[in-house]
Amino acid sequence: MRRFWLGAVSLALFAPSLFATNGDNLIGIGPASRGMGGIGTGMPVGAIDSIFRNPAWMSYFNTKRFFLSFGGILFMPNVKVSSRMLVDDNPFAPSGGMFMSTNGRIKSDADMFMVPEVGIVHKVNERLALGIGAFGVSGMGVDFRDKDLMPSPMGGYTNALSQMHTSFQFMRLTPAVAYRVNEFLAVGGAVHIAWGSLDMGAQICEWGDADGDMLPEPTRCWNAGGGQSQDFGLGFSVGIALDFGDFIYAGVAYQSPISMKYKNVFDSNGDGKFEDMKLEQPQEFAFGVGVRPLENLKVGLDVRWIDWSGADGYGDFGWEDQWVFALGVEFKPLDTLALRAGYNYGKTPIRDKDNLNPMVPKNRVPDLARAFTDFELYWFNLVGFPAIAEHHLTLGLNWRLTPNFDLDLSYVYALPSTVSAKAMGGAGEVSARMFQHSIGIGLNWSF
């Protein structure tokens, strides 16, 4: 006979919610980049956006000496999850077994939150530029507390979503420098001082006695969350920018991984000892090109590779690498107005899975006391951190109100995406569906 455990681990930024993202990374940082599909590696889209995407472009902006931007993003995600799991394979139970099931898809209560942004760039001279930015860049999570409590066939109540409530916040403070080597070439680099916060909460139940025999009701349940844990980390980024006469642009950038360890956040085996969780933000490599066929028209294309499978935590939970494609356009019908549009696509790092083993606990996560079955691992992904957005449509504008002040706006719509995982033999199925809206604003001063 067998035991079946239910639990959850998850992530979110500045609130328990989920970003319009590639994995759990924002498609773009500032509203200029976000309005153009998240580009900024292969062509300049704004002095502040360059700090994060490709710092070499900070040296490109020569019309002013000082740039200051304050802004934020309002996120409105819609995450729904359904779950069906066999917890009692007793042939005398109804239909040959007892399932814990949701009554259709259940909506996460995390559906609106804010992320602030601030950045400064100073052109020291025609060649040298210095910048610093503070950005919320990564995160996700859900809130299923007190959701879908249903009567058990054997009496009592079950919760097929384990009262999942999780929150991950990740910010970067990024001092950067850029130097224009000559008319065509610029180089740049940045230090990434990272702060992260992880809070994982769920109820885990054990459905078996000491001999491993299944029982109609759980033998014990415990609250696995250890509360909020924080950590700091360091990373770096480097970039190269090429400007061929303000007509054709190209750029490459690399961002290093940042290792984090959140202490005492989860009790996976119910022994009352809260375990640590390693979660490493992955390395990225990006390249891009841009053209300016008309004085008032710019078009850019970026391609990014994100190493989810090689990052602690993400790789342990089965995330796969992403290739992200971003396309952006800016058209200026007036000297004081720029209109933007874009498209961003990255295949979800959490993929559809069939015929998963629900019985053999073979997957190890560093510092967690117990191993997980294949089905449990993907159940955790889709209930706890469904980072499944793929297609994003974006709009934006820049409106210059005075010679020294302008306004950026962006809108991002992440199209509906659904990912499912199924256990072998019909022992369980879990499915997540998500779409998102987000609005960004930036208030910009230049002198």
Protein backbone atom coordinates (compact mmCIF):
# COMPACT_ATOMS: atom_id res chain seq x y z
CA MET A 1 0.00 0.00 0.00
CA ARG A 2 1.08 3.58 -0.19
CA ARG A 3 0.98 6.94 1.48
CA PHE A 4 0.02 10.09 -0.36
CA TRP A 5 1.11 13.52 0.83
CA LEU A 6 -0.20 16.89 -0.27
CA GLY A 7 1.72 20.14 0.10
CA ALA A 8 2.96 23.27 -1.62
CA VAL A 9 5.89 25.54 -2.19
CA SER A 10 5.67 28.88 -4.04
CA LEU A 11 6.80 32.42 -4.86
CA ALA A 12 5.43 36.29 -5.52
CA LEU A 13 6.61 39.91 -5.71
CA PHE A 14 5.48 42.68 -3.35
CA ALA A 15 2.28 40.73 -2.70
CA PRO A 16 1.06 37.17 -3.20
CA SER A 17 0.44 37.43 -6.93
CA LEU A 18 1.90 36.66 -10.34
CA PHE A 19 3.59 39.00 -12.81
CA ALA A 20 3.24 39.40 -16.56
CA THR A 21 6.42 37.44 -16.91
CA ASN A 22 8.90 35.21 -18.65
CA GLY A 23 8.97 32.55 -15.95
CA ASP A 24 8.91 34.75 -12.85
CA ASN A 25 10.94 37.59 -14.44
CA LEU A 26 9.27 40.76 -15.67
CA ILE A 27 9.24 41.02 -19.47
CA GLY A 28 10.63 44.56 -19.06
CA ILE A 29 11.48 46.91 -16.22
CA GLY A 30 10.44 50.47 -17.10
CA PRO A 31 7.29 51.46 -19.01
CA ALA A 32 9.31 52.36 -22.13
CA SER A 33 10.63 48.81 -22.42
CA ARG A 34 7.36 47.20 -21.34
CA GLY A 35 5.40 49.20 -23.93
CA MET A 36 7.71 47.77 -26.62
CA GLY A 37 7.50 44.10 -25.70
CA GLY A 38 10.40 44.16 -23.21
CA ILE A 39 13.19 45.09 -25.68
CA GLY A 40 16.25 47.13 -24.73
CA THR A 41 19.26 44.87 -25.34
CA GLY A 42 19.76 45.55 -29.04
CA MET A 43 18.68 49.20 -29.23
CA PRO A 44 18.20 52.12 -26.79
CA VAL A 45 14.67 52.60 -25.49
CA GLY A 46 15.39 54.93 -22.55
CA ALA A 47 18.24 55.89 -20.24
CA ILE A 48 16.62 54.37 -17.12
CA ASP A 49 15.55 51.14 -18.86
CA SER A 50 19.15 50.66 -20.01
CA ILE A 51 20.42 50.29 -16.42
CA PHE A 52 18.88 46.84 -16.17
CA ARG A 53 18.58 45.49 -19.72
CA ASN A 54 21.91 46.64 -21.25
CA PRO A 55 23.89 49.26 -19.29
CA ALA A 56 26.07 50.10 -22.30
CA TRP A 57 23.17 52.09 -23.81
CA MET A 58 23.32 54.64 -20.95
CA SER A 59 26.17 56.36 -22.84
CA TYR A 60 24.01 56.79 -25.94
CA PHE A 61 21.74 59.60 -24.66
CA ASN A 62 23.58 62.86 -25.37
CA THR A 63 20.81 65.49 -25.45
CA LYS A 64 20.69 65.77 -21.64
CA ARG A 65 23.10 65.30 -18.75
CA PHE A 66 20.80 64.09 -16.00
CA PHE A 67 17.84 61.68 -16.11
CA LEU A 68 15.52 60.88 -13.19
CA SER A 69 12.48 58.58 -13.25
CA PHE A 70 9.87 57.51 -10.69
CA GLY A 71 7.22 54.98 -11.55
CA GLY A 72 5.32 51.87 -10.75
CA ILE A 73 3.29 48.99 -12.14
CA LEU A 74 -0.25 47.98 -11.26
CA PHE A 75 -0.76 44.23 -11.80
CA MET A 76 -4.13 42.55 -12.17
CA PRO A 77 -3.58 38.78 -12.56
CA ASN A 78 -6.25 36.13 -12.86
CA VAL A 79 -5.05 32.67 -11.74
CA LYS A 80 -7.37 29.66 -11.55
CA VAL A 81 -6.41 26.12 -10.56
CA SER A 82 -8.21 22.77 -10.51
CA SER A 83 -6.97 19.66 -8.73
CA ARG A 84 -8.07 16.01 -8.49
CA MET A 85 -6.01 13.53 -6.47
CA LEU A 86 -6.58 9.93 -5.44
CA VAL A 87 -5.91 9.67 -1.72
CA ASP A 88 -7.52 6.30 -0.94
CA ASP A 89 -7.17 3.34 -3.30
CA ASN A 90 -9.41 1.08 -1.16
CA PRO A 91 -11.55 -0.92 -3.64
CA PHE A 92 -14.49 -0.73 -1.22
CA ALA A 93 -14.46 3.07 -1.32
CA PRO A 94 -16.82 4.84 -3.76
CA SER A 95 -15.73 4.29 -7.39
CA GLY A 96 -12.82 2.19 -6.17
CA GLY A 97 -11.13 5.09 -4.40
CA MET A 98 -11.58 8.46 -2.77
CA PHE A 99 -10.52 11.63 -4.58
CA MET A 100 -9.88 15.08 -3.21
CA SER A 101 -11.15 17.36 -5.97
CA THR A 102 -11.88 21.02 -6.50
CA ASN A 103 -15.29 22.00 -7.76
CA GLY A 104 -14.00 23.29 -11.09
CA ARG A 105 -11.25 25.89 -11.30
CA ILE A 106 -10.69 27.94 -8.14
CA LYS A 107 -9.53 31.56 -8.41
CA SER A 108 -6.58 32.82 -6.38
CA ASP A 109 -7.40 35.80 -4.17
CA ALA A 110 -4.16 37.54 -5.21
CA ASP A 111 -5.50 39.74 -7.99
CA MET A 112 -4.08 43.29 -7.62
CA PHE A 113 -0.84 44.82 -6.38
CA MET A 114 1.78 47.55 -6.98
CA VAL A 115 5.51 47.42 -7.80
CA PRO A 116 7.60 50.65 -7.50
CA GLU A 117 10.56 51.65 -9.68
CA VAL A 118 13.14 54.46 -9.51
CA GLY A 119 16.26 55.23 -11.54
CA ILE A 120 18.90 57.94 -12.08
CA VAL A 121 21.40 58.32 -14.93
CA HIS A 122 24.09 61.02 -15.08
CA LYS A 123 26.10 61.72 -18.24
CA VAL A 124 29.45 62.76 -16.77
CA ASN A 125 30.73 63.67 -20.23
CA GLU A 126 30.20 62.63 -23.85
CA ARG A 127 31.72 59.20 -23.18
CA LEU A 128 31.03 58.31 -19.54
CA ALA A 129 27.64 57.68 -17.92
CA LEU A 130 26.78 56.58 -14.38
CA GLY A 131 23.43 55.20 -13.25
CA ILE A 132 21.62 53.55 -10.38
CA GLY A 133 18.21 51.93 -10.26
CA ALA A 134 16.01 50.11 -7.75
CA PHE A 135 13.57 47.71 -9.39
CA GLY A 136 11.21 44.91 -8.49
CA VAL A 137 12.22 42.37 -11.12
CA SER A 138 10.95 38.88 -10.24
CA GLY A 139 8.19 37.17 -8.32
CA MET A 140 5.03 35.12 -8.25
CA GLY A 141 2.63 33.35 -5.91
CA VAL A 142 -0.97 32.48 -5.09
CA ASP A 143 -3.50 32.73 -2.28
CA PHE A 144 -5.89 29.80 -1.82
CA ARG A 145 -6.49 30.11 1.91
CA ASP A 146 -9.88 28.75 2.96
CA LYS A 147 -10.72 27.96 -0.65
CA ASP A 148 -12.87 25.04 -1.82
CA LEU A 149 -13.45 23.23 1.46
CA MET A 150 -15.64 20.29 0.40
CA PRO A 151 -17.36 17.41 2.24
CA SER A 152 -15.37 14.18 2.22
CA PRO A 153 -17.12 10.99 1.05
CA MET A 154 -16.13 9.49 4.41
CA GLY A 155 -17.23 12.49 6.46
CA GLY A 156 -15.45 15.67 7.41
CA TYR A 157 -13.97 18.10 4.91
CA THR A 158 -11.09 18.11 2.45
CA ASN A 159 -9.20 20.90 0.73
CA ALA A 160 -7.72 19.86 -2.60
CA LEU A 161 -5.57 23.01 -2.82
CA SER A 162 -3.97 22.56 0.63
CA GLN A 163 -4.82 26.15 1.64
CA MET A 164 -1.88 27.32 -0.43
CA HIS A 165 -0.74 30.87 0.29
CA THR A 166 2.71 31.92 -0.82
CA SER A 167 4.68 35.08 -1.51
CA PHE A 168 8.05 35.77 -3.14
CA GLN A 169 9.56 39.25 -3.50
CA PHE A 170 12.79 39.98 -5.38
CA MET A 171 14.36 43.42 -5.85
CA ARG A 172 17.63 44.61 -7.33
CA LEU A 173 19.57 47.76 -6.45
CA THR A 174 21.75 48.27 -9.53
CA PRO A 175 24.62 50.78 -9.75
CA ALA A 176 25.88 50.86 -13.34
CA VAL A 177 28.55 52.48 -15.52
CA ALA A 178 28.84 52.87 -19.30
CA TYR A 179 31.67 54.12 -21.50
CA ARG A 180 31.46 55.06 -25.15
CA VAL A 181 34.70 53.79 -26.68
CA ASN A 182 34.16 55.48 -30.03
CA GLU A 183 31.38 56.63 -32.33
CA PHE A 184 30.16 53.06 -32.87
CA LEU A 185 30.98 51.08 -29.71
CA ALA A 186 29.96 51.38 -26.06
CA VAL A 187 30.48 49.01 -23.13
CA GLY A 188 28.78 48.87 -19.76
CA GLY A 189 28.47 46.94 -16.54
CA ALA A 190 26.42 46.87 -13.36
CA VAL A 191 26.51 45.37 -9.90
CA HIS A 192 23.24 43.77 -8.75
CA ILE A 193 22.62 44.02 -5.02
CA ALA A 194 19.62 41.76 -4.53
CA TRP A 195 17.08 41.45 -1.73
CA GLY A 196 14.60 38.59 -1.64
CA SER A 197 11.75 37.56 0.63
CA LEU A 198 10.03 34.15 0.62
CA ASP A 199 6.95 33.08 2.57
CA MET A 200 5.52 29.63 1.91
CA GLY A 201 2.31 28.44 3.52
CA ALA A 202 0.30 25.25 3.03
CA GLN A 203 -1.41 22.44 4.88
CA ILE A 204 0.13 19.01 4.34
CA CYS A 205 -1.73 15.82 5.20
CA GLU A 206 -0.63 12.20 5.55
CA TRP A 207 -3.16 9.57 4.46
CA GLY A 208 -1.72 6.41 5.92
CA ASP A 209 -0.94 4.56 9.14
CA ALA A 210 2.45 3.43 10.41
CA ASP A 211 2.33 0.37 8.14
CA GLY A 212 1.63 2.46 5.07
CA ASP A 213 -2.01 1.33 4.77
CA MET A 214 -4.46 3.92 3.46
CA LEU A 215 -7.17 5.29 5.73
CA PRO A 216 -10.41 7.10 4.80
CA GLU A 217 -9.30 10.22 6.67
CA PRO A 218 -5.81 11.73 7.11
CA THR A 219 -3.86 10.49 10.12
CA ARG A 220 -2.39 13.93 10.67
CA CYS A 221 -2.13 17.34 9.03
CA TRP A 222 0.23 20.21 9.76
CA ASN A 223 0.79 23.79 8.68
CA ALA A 224 4.04 23.72 6.76
CA GLY A 225 4.74 27.44 6.49
CA GLY A 226 7.55 28.90 8.62
CA GLY A 227 6.78 32.56 7.91
CA GLN A 228 8.65 35.16 5.91
CA SER A 229 12.38 34.68 5.34
CA GLN A 230 14.77 37.19 3.75
CA ASP A 231 18.21 37.06 2.18
CA PHE A 232 20.66 39.23 0.24
CA GLY A 233 22.75 38.32 -2.76
CA LEU A 234 25.18 39.77 -5.29
CA GLY A 235 25.41 39.49 -9.05
CA PHE A 236 26.54 41.48 -12.06
CA SER A 237 25.70 42.26 -15.65
CA VAL A 238 27.76 43.38 -18.64
CA GLY A 239 26.73 44.71 -22.03
CA ILE A 240 28.01 45.86 -25.40
CA ALA A 241 26.15 48.35 -27.62
CA LEU A 242 26.80 49.09 -31.29
CA ASP A 243 25.42 52.21 -33.01
CA PHE A 244 25.89 52.32 -36.78
CA GLY A 245 25.12 55.94 -37.52
CA ASP A 246 21.85 56.17 -35.58
CA PHE A 247 20.26 53.91 -38.21
CA ILE A 248 21.16 50.32 -37.28
CA TYR A 249 21.76 49.16 -33.71
CA ALA A 250 22.92 45.92 -32.11
CA GLY A 251 23.74 44.77 -28.61
CA VAL A 252 24.55 41.82 -26.39
CA ALA A 253 24.23 41.47 -22.61
CA TYR A 254 24.89 38.88 -19.92
CA GLN A 255 23.39 38.75 -16.43
CA SER A 256 24.90 36.46 -13.80
CA PRO A 257 22.94 34.15 -11.48
CA ILE A 258 22.24 35.33 -7.93
CA SER A 259 22.22 32.68 -5.21
CA MET A 260 19.80 33.09 -2.30
CA LYS A 261 18.99 30.91 0.68
CA TYR A 262 15.79 31.45 2.65
CA LYS A 263 16.04 29.97 6.13
CA ASN A 264 13.36 28.15 8.14
CA VAL A 265 10.56 28.57 5.60
CA PHE A 266 9.01 25.10 5.17
CA ASP A 267 8.32 21.91 7.15
CA SER A 268 8.09 19.19 4.51
CA ASN A 269 7.83 16.15 6.81
CA GLY A 270 5.86 17.41 9.81
CA ASP A 271 8.64 17.05 12.39
CA GLY A 272 8.23 20.65 13.54
CA LYS A 273 11.62 21.70 12.16
CA PHE A 274 11.42 24.32 9.44
CA GLU A 275 13.84 23.74 6.60
CA ASP A 276 15.74 26.12 4.34
CA MET A 277 15.06 26.74 0.66
CA LYS A 278 17.68 27.56 -1.97
CA LEU A 279 16.34 29.70 -4.78
CA GLU A 280 18.77 31.07 -7.34
CA GLN A 281 17.73 33.71 -9.87
CA PRO A 282 19.08 32.27 -13.13
CA GLN A 283 21.72 33.59 -15.47
CA GLU A 284 20.57 35.18 -18.72
CA PHE A 285 22.15 35.89 -22.09
CA ALA A 286 20.53 38.31 -24.55
CA PHE A 287 21.23 39.80 -27.94
CA GLY A 288 19.24 42.11 -30.14
CA VAL A 289 19.11 44.38 -33.17
CA GLY A 290 17.24 47.54 -34.06
CA VAL A 291 16.62 49.72 -37.08
CA ARG A 292 15.50 53.29 -37.58
CA PRO A 293 14.26 53.39 -41.21
CA LEU A 294 12.62 56.79 -40.67
CA GLU A 295 13.47 59.65 -38.35
CA ASN A 296 10.25 59.05 -36.42
CA LEU A 297 10.16 55.21 -36.53
CA LYS A 298 12.19 52.61 -34.58
CA VAL A 299 11.85 48.81 -34.64
CA GLY A 300 13.74 46.40 -32.37
CA LEU A 301 14.05 42.66 -31.81
CA ASP A 302 15.60 40.99 -28.73
CA VAL A 303 16.24 37.31 -28.03
CA ARG A 304 16.98 36.10 -24.48
CA TRP A 305 17.98 32.74 -23.02
CA ILE A 306 17.06 32.14 -19.36
CA ASP A 307 18.76 29.24 -17.58
CA TRP A 308 15.92 28.03 -15.33
CA SER A 309 17.03 24.40 -15.41
CA GLY A 310 20.49 25.26 -14.07
CA ALA A 311 19.27 27.43 -11.18
CA ASP A 312 18.93 26.03 -7.64
CA GLY A 313 15.28 25.65 -6.71
CA TYR A 314 13.83 26.20 -10.16
CA GLY A 315 15.80 23.35 -11.69
CA ASP A 316 14.97 21.09 -8.74
CA PHE A 317 11.27 21.67 -9.39
CA GLY A 318 11.62 20.74 -13.05
CA TRP A 319 11.61 24.16 -14.70
CA GLU A 320 12.93 24.14 -18.26
CA ASP A 321 15.01 26.83 -20.00
CA GLN A 322 13.31 29.61 -21.94
CA TRP A 323 14.06 31.31 -25.22
CA VAL A 324 12.26 34.66 -25.14
CA PHE A 325 11.52 36.69 -28.29
CA ALA A 326 10.58 40.36 -27.94
CA LEU A 327 9.54 42.70 -30.75
CA GLY A 328 8.95 46.42 -30.24
CA VAL A 329 7.97 49.44 -32.37
CA GLU A 330 8.01 53.16 -31.61
CA PHE A 331 6.39 55.75 -33.90
CA LYS A 332 6.47 59.51 -33.29
CA PRO A 333 3.61 61.31 -35.06
CA LEU A 334 4.61 64.50 -33.19
CA ASP A 335 7.83 65.77 -31.67
CA THR A 336 6.15 65.59 -28.25
CA LEU A 337 4.41 62.22 -28.66
CA ALA A 338 5.72 58.68 -29.21
CA LEU A 339 3.39 55.69 -29.66
CA ARG A 340 4.66 52.19 -28.82
CA ALA A 341 3.58 48.61 -29.36
CA GLY A 342 5.17 45.20 -28.90
CA TYR A 343 4.92 41.46 -28.60
CA ASN A 344 6.74 39.11 -26.24
CA TYR A 345 6.79 35.31 -26.35
CA GLY A 346 8.54 32.75 -24.18
CA LYS A 347 7.40 29.15 -23.89
CA THR A 348 6.47 28.48 -20.27
CA PRO A 349 9.22 26.80 -18.22
CA ILE A 350 6.49 24.59 -16.68
CA ARG A 351 5.24 22.25 -19.41
CA ASP A 352 2.28 19.89 -19.86
CA LYS A 353 3.11 16.47 -18.41
CA ASP A 354 1.35 13.08 -18.70
CA ASN A 355 1.76 9.71 -17.05
CA LEU A 356 3.59 11.08 -13.99
CA ASN A 357 4.45 8.66 -11.18
CA PRO A 358 2.38 9.52 -8.06
CA MET A 359 3.92 6.88 -5.79
CA VAL A 360 7.74 6.85 -5.83
CA PRO A 361 9.35 9.81 -3.99
CA LYS A 362 12.56 10.28 -5.96
CA ASN A 363 12.94 14.05 -6.50
CA ARG A 364 15.19 15.83 -4.01
CA VAL A 365 15.09 19.56 -3.33
CA PRO A 366 18.17 20.91 -1.49
CA ASP A 367 17.65 21.34 2.27
CA LEU A 368 14.10 19.93 2.26
CA ALA A 369 13.85 16.81 4.42
CA ARG A 370 11.76 14.62 2.15
CA ALA A 371 11.70 13.62 -1.49
CA PHE A 372 8.75 14.23 -3.81
CA THR A 373 7.06 12.09 -6.42
CA ASP A 374 6.92 13.25 -10.04
CA PHE A 375 3.25 14.14 -9.72
CA GLU A 376 3.73 16.01 -6.44
CA LEU A 377 6.50 18.06 -8.01
CA TYR A 378 4.29 19.25 -10.87
CA TRP A 379 1.33 19.67 -8.56
CA PHE A 380 3.50 22.07 -6.53
CA ASN A 381 4.40 23.95 -9.71
CA LEU A 382 0.86 24.42 -11.00
CA VAL A 383 -0.90 25.07 -7.69
CA GLY A 384 1.93 26.91 -5.97
CA PHE A 385 3.79 28.87 -8.63
CA PRO A 386 2.01 28.70 -12.02
CA ALA A 387 4.46 30.84 -14.01
CA ILE A 388 2.81 29.84 -17.28
CA ALA A 389 2.41 33.13 -19.21
CA GLU A 390 3.63 32.83 -22.81
CA HIS A 391 2.17 35.43 -25.19
CA HIS A 392 2.18 39.13 -24.24
CA LEU A 393 0.72 42.04 -26.22
CA THR A 394 1.95 45.49 -25.20
CA LEU A 395 1.10 49.14 -25.83
CA GLY A 396 2.72 52.34 -24.61
CA LEU A 397 3.33 56.01 -25.17
CA ASN A 398 5.67 58.83 -24.24
CA TRP A 399 4.27 62.34 -23.91
CA ARG A 400 6.68 65.25 -23.50
CA LEU A 401 4.84 67.88 -21.46
CA THR A 402 7.70 70.36 -21.05
CA PRO A 403 11.29 70.50 -22.32
CA ASN A 404 12.41 68.86 -19.04
CA PHE A 405 9.48 66.60 -18.12
CA ASP A 406 7.75 63.71 -19.89
CA LEU A 407 5.38 60.88 -19.06
CA ASP A 408 5.64 57.17 -19.99
CA LEU A 409 2.66 54.82 -19.95
CA SER A 410 2.51 51.10 -20.75
CA TYR A 411 -0.11 48.37 -20.88
CA VAL A 412 0.65 44.63 -21.01
CA TYR A 413 -1.88 41.88 -21.62
CA ALA A 414 -0.71 38.30 -21.03
CA LEU A 415 -3.03 36.09 -23.08
CA PRO A 416 -4.75 33.14 -21.38
CA SER A 417 -2.47 30.14 -20.95
CA THR A 418 -3.27 26.69 -19.55
CA VAL A 419 -0.88 23.94 -18.40
CA SER A 420 -1.90 20.52 -17.02
CA ALA A 421 -0.18 17.55 -15.40
CA LYS A 422 -1.63 14.03 -15.13
CA ALA A 423 -0.64 11.09 -12.93
CA MET A 424 -0.44 7.60 -14.37
CA GLY A 425 -3.43 5.33 -14.01
CA GLY A 426 -5.86 8.21 -13.52
CA ALA A 427 -4.56 8.79 -9.98
CA GLY A 428 -4.69 12.55 -10.29
CA GLU A 429 -4.74 15.62 -12.48
CA VAL A 430 -3.95 19.29 -11.89
CA SER A 431 -4.46 22.23 -14.21
CA ALA A 432 -3.67 25.96 -14.00
CA ARG A 433 -5.03 28.74 -16.19
CA MET A 434 -3.88 32.35 -16.12
CA PHE A 435 -4.20 35.70 -17.88
CA GLN A 436 -2.98 39.12 -16.76
CA HIS A 437 -3.38 42.85 -17.20
CA SER A 438 -0.79 45.38 -16.05
CA ILE A 439 -0.45 49.15 -16.33
CA GLY A 440 2.84 50.99 -15.88
CA ILE A 441 3.63 54.67 -15.42
CA GLY A 442 6.89 56.60 -15.32
CA LEU A 443 7.42 60.28 -14.47
CA ASN A 444 10.67 61.44 -16.06
CA TRP A 445 12.82 64.52 -15.59
CA SER A 446 15.84 65.37 -17.74
CA PHE A 447 18.19 68.36 -17.52
